[in-house]
C-alpha atoms as a PDB file:
ATOM      1  CA  MET A   1       7.510  -3.300  14.314  1.00  0.00           C
ATOM      2  CA  ASN A   2       4.844  -0.726  13.472  1.00  0.00           C
ATOM      3  CA  ARG A   3       2.164  -1.150  10.781  1.00  0.00           C
ATOM      4  CA  ALA A   4       4.076   0.825   8.126  1.00  0.00           C
ATOM      5  CA  GLU A   5       7.119  -1.404   8.637  1.00  0.00           C
ATOM      6  CA  ARG A   6       4.954  -4.538   8.446  1.00  0.00           C
ATOM      7  CA  ILE A   7       3.332  -3.337   5.220  1.00  0.00           C
ATOM      8  CA  ARG A   8       6.732  -2.561   3.694  1.00  0.00           C
ATOM      9  CA  ALA A   9       8.186  -5.916   4.744  1.00  0.00           C
ATOM     10  CA  ALA A  10       5.225  -7.904   3.396  1.00  0.00           C
ATOM     11  CA  VAL A  11       5.252  -6.144   0.025  1.00  0.00           C
ATOM     12  CA  GLU A  12       9.022  -6.411  -0.354  1.00  0.00           C
ATOM     13  CA  ALA A  13       8.855 -10.130   0.468  1.00  0.00           C
ATOM     14  CA  ALA A  14       6.134 -10.763  -2.125  1.00  0.00           C
ATOM     15  CA  PHE A  15       7.294  -8.650  -5.067  1.00  0.00           C
ATOM     16  CA  GLU A  16      10.536  -7.570  -6.702  1.00  0.00           C
ATOM     17  CA  VAL A  17      10.162  -3.962  -5.646  1.00  0.00           C
ATOM     18  CA  GLN A  18      12.018  -1.216  -7.498  1.00  0.00           C
ATOM     19  CA  ARG A  19      10.433   1.496  -5.354  1.00  0.00           C
ATOM     20  CA  ILE A  20       8.113   1.534  -2.357  1.00  0.00           C
ATOM     21  CA  GLU A  21       6.607   4.339  -0.328  1.00  0.00           C
ATOM     22  CA  VAL A  22       4.420   3.703   2.695  1.00  0.00           C
ATOM     23  CA  ARG A  23       2.813   6.765   4.221  1.00  0.00           C
ATOM     24  CA  ASP A  24       0.626   6.843   7.336  1.00  0.00           C
ATOM     25  CA  ASP A  25      -2.146   9.359   6.596  1.00  0.00           C
ATOM     26  CA  SER A  26      -4.129   8.578   9.741  1.00  0.00           C
ATOM     27  CA  HIS A  27      -3.727  12.098  11.102  1.00  0.00           C
ATOM     28  CA  LEU A  28      -5.658  13.398   8.068  1.00  0.00           C
ATOM     29  CA  HIS A  29      -8.669  11.255   9.019  1.00  0.00           C
ATOM     30  CA  ALA A  30      -9.030  12.099  12.715  1.00  0.00           C
ATOM     31  CA  GLY A  31     -12.685  11.919  13.645  1.00  0.00           C
ATOM     32  CA  HIS A  32     -13.629   9.909  10.543  1.00  0.00           C
ATOM     33  CA  ALA A  33     -14.934   6.349  10.460  1.00  0.00           C
ATOM     34  CA  GLY A  34     -12.274   3.811  11.352  1.00  0.00           C
ATOM     35  CA  ALA A  35      -9.828   6.387  12.732  1.00  0.00           C
ATOM     36  CA  ARG A  36      -8.250   5.692  16.106  1.00  0.00           C
ATOM     37  CA  PRO A  37      -6.400   8.159  18.352  1.00  0.00           C
ATOM     38  CA  GLU A  38      -3.208   6.069  18.163  1.00  0.00           C
ATOM     39  CA  GLY A  39      -3.236   6.227  14.345  1.00  0.00           C
ATOM     40  CA  GLU A  40      -2.029   3.495  11.988  1.00  0.00           C
ATOM     41  CA  THR A  41      -5.475   3.184  10.375  1.00  0.00           C
ATOM     42  CA  HIS A  42      -5.145   4.990   7.021  1.00  0.00           C
ATOM     43  CA  PHE A  43      -2.209   4.427   4.660  1.00  0.00           C
ATOM     44  CA  ASP A  44      -1.081   5.407   1.199  1.00  0.00           C
ATOM     45  CA  LEU A  45       1.086   2.833  -0.596  1.00  0.00           C
ATOM     46  CA  LEU A  46       3.108   3.199  -3.772  1.00  0.00           C
ATOM     47  CA  VAL A  47       4.714   0.042  -5.160  1.00  0.00           C
ATOM     48  CA  VAL A  48       6.744  -0.061  -8.349  1.00  0.00           C
ATOM     49  CA  SER A  49       7.517  -3.525  -9.669  1.00  0.00           C
ATOM     50  CA  SER A  50       8.102  -5.039 -13.092  1.00  0.00           C
ATOM     51  CA  GLU A  51       5.954  -7.950 -11.865  1.00  0.00           C
ATOM     52  CA  PHE A  52       2.891  -5.766 -12.523  1.00  0.00           C
ATOM     53  CA  THR A  53       3.589  -5.668 -16.258  1.00  0.00           C
ATOM     54  CA  GLY A  54       0.608  -6.988 -18.198  1.00  0.00           C
ATOM     55  CA  GLN A  55      -1.698  -6.926 -15.157  1.00  0.00           C
ATOM     56  CA  SER A  56      -4.765  -4.732 -14.852  1.00  0.00           C
ATOM     57  CA  ARG A  57      -4.974  -2.160 -12.078  1.00  0.00           C
ATOM     58  CA  VAL A  58      -7.630  -4.282 -10.360  1.00  0.00           C
ATOM     59  CA  THR A  59      -5.467  -7.431 -10.484  1.00  0.00           C
ATOM     60  CA  ARG A  60      -2.532  -5.554  -8.977  1.00  0.00           C
ATOM     61  CA  GLN A  61      -4.635  -4.085  -6.172  1.00  0.00           C
ATOM     62  CA  ARG A  62      -6.249  -7.425  -5.382  1.00  0.00           C
ATOM     63  CA  ALA A  63      -2.794  -8.981  -5.053  1.00  0.00           C
ATOM     64  CA  VAL A  64      -1.675  -6.280  -2.609  1.00  0.00           C
ATOM     65  CA  TYR A  65      -4.932  -6.339  -0.628  1.00  0.00           C
ATOM     66  CA  GLY A  66      -4.718 -10.135  -0.384  1.00  0.00           C
ATOM     67  CA  LEU A  67      -1.166  -9.874   0.835  1.00  0.00           C
ATOM     68  CA  LEU A  68      -2.199  -7.431   3.559  1.00  0.00           C
ATOM     69  CA  SER A  69      -5.427  -9.132   4.627  1.00  0.00           C
ATOM     70  CA  ALA A  70      -4.163  -9.681   8.187  1.00  0.00           C
ATOM     71  CA  GLU A  71      -3.486  -5.942   8.532  1.00  0.00           C
ATOM     72  CA  LEU A  72      -6.957  -5.124   7.191  1.00  0.00           C
ATOM     73  CA  GLU A  73      -8.507  -7.520   9.696  1.00  0.00           C
ATOM     74  CA  GLY A  74      -6.333  -6.106  12.477  1.00  0.00           C
ATOM     75  CA  GLY A  75      -7.230  -2.419  12.396  1.00  0.00           C
ATOM     76  CA  LEU A  76      -6.054  -1.088   9.047  1.00  0.00           C
ATOM     77  CA  HIS A  77      -9.176   0.779   7.946  1.00  0.00           C
ATOM     78  CA  ALA A  78      -8.162   2.302   4.602  1.00  0.00           C
ATOM     79  CA  LEU A  79      -5.362   1.584   2.159  1.00  0.00           C
ATOM     80  CA  SER A  80      -4.817   3.613  -0.988  1.00  0.00           C
ATOM     81  CA  ILE A  81      -2.693   1.608  -3.443  1.00  0.00           C
ATOM     82  CA  ARG A  82      -0.802   2.727  -6.516  1.00  0.00           C
ATOM     83  CA  ALA A  83       0.818  -0.374  -7.999  1.00  0.00           C
ATOM     84  CA  LEU A  84       2.842   0.628 -11.045  1.00  0.00           C
ATOM     85  CA  THR A  85       5.278  -0.860 -13.508  1.00  0.00           C
ATOM     86  CA  PRO A  86       8.634   0.929 -13.806  1.00  0.00           C
ATOM     87  CA  ASP A  87       7.523   2.465 -17.143  1.00  0.00           C
ATOM     88  CA  GLU A  88       4.299   3.766 -15.585  1.00  0.00           C
ATOM     89  CA  ALA A  89       6.251   5.260 -12.696  1.00  0.00           C
ATOM     90  CA  ILE A  90       8.546   7.090 -15.109  1.00  0.00           C
ATOM     91  CA  LYS A  91       5.587   8.472 -17.063  1.00  0.00           C
ATOM     92  CA  GLU A  92       3.932   9.588 -13.831  1.00  0.00           C
ATOM     93  CA  THR A  93       6.925  11.776 -12.941  1.00  0.00           C
ATOM     94  CA  LYS A  94       6.969  13.583 -16.291  1.00  0.00           C
END
C-alpha cells in the first residue's frame, strides 16, 4: 500500500467522509527540502465530513495531523489539509 492509500484509509477509518481527495504533489517539490527522488513526501488532502461542523480550522487540522503522525514521522514532509464541512464544500464550488 503506498502513502496516498494509507492516508486515505486512515482518514476514512477515523471520520465519516463524504468526499476525500489525496494528491501526491511531490513532483512539484523536486530539489526542495524534504523531497526524495522516489516521491511520496508532499501531499494535498481534501476531506469533507459533517464531523467537522462546529470545529475551528485549527482543531480540524490538528485532528488530521494527529491521525497521520506515523506518516509524518516516516517520511511525509509536507501535508496541505483542507478539512471542510459539507456546507463549506458546497460554497467552495460556487
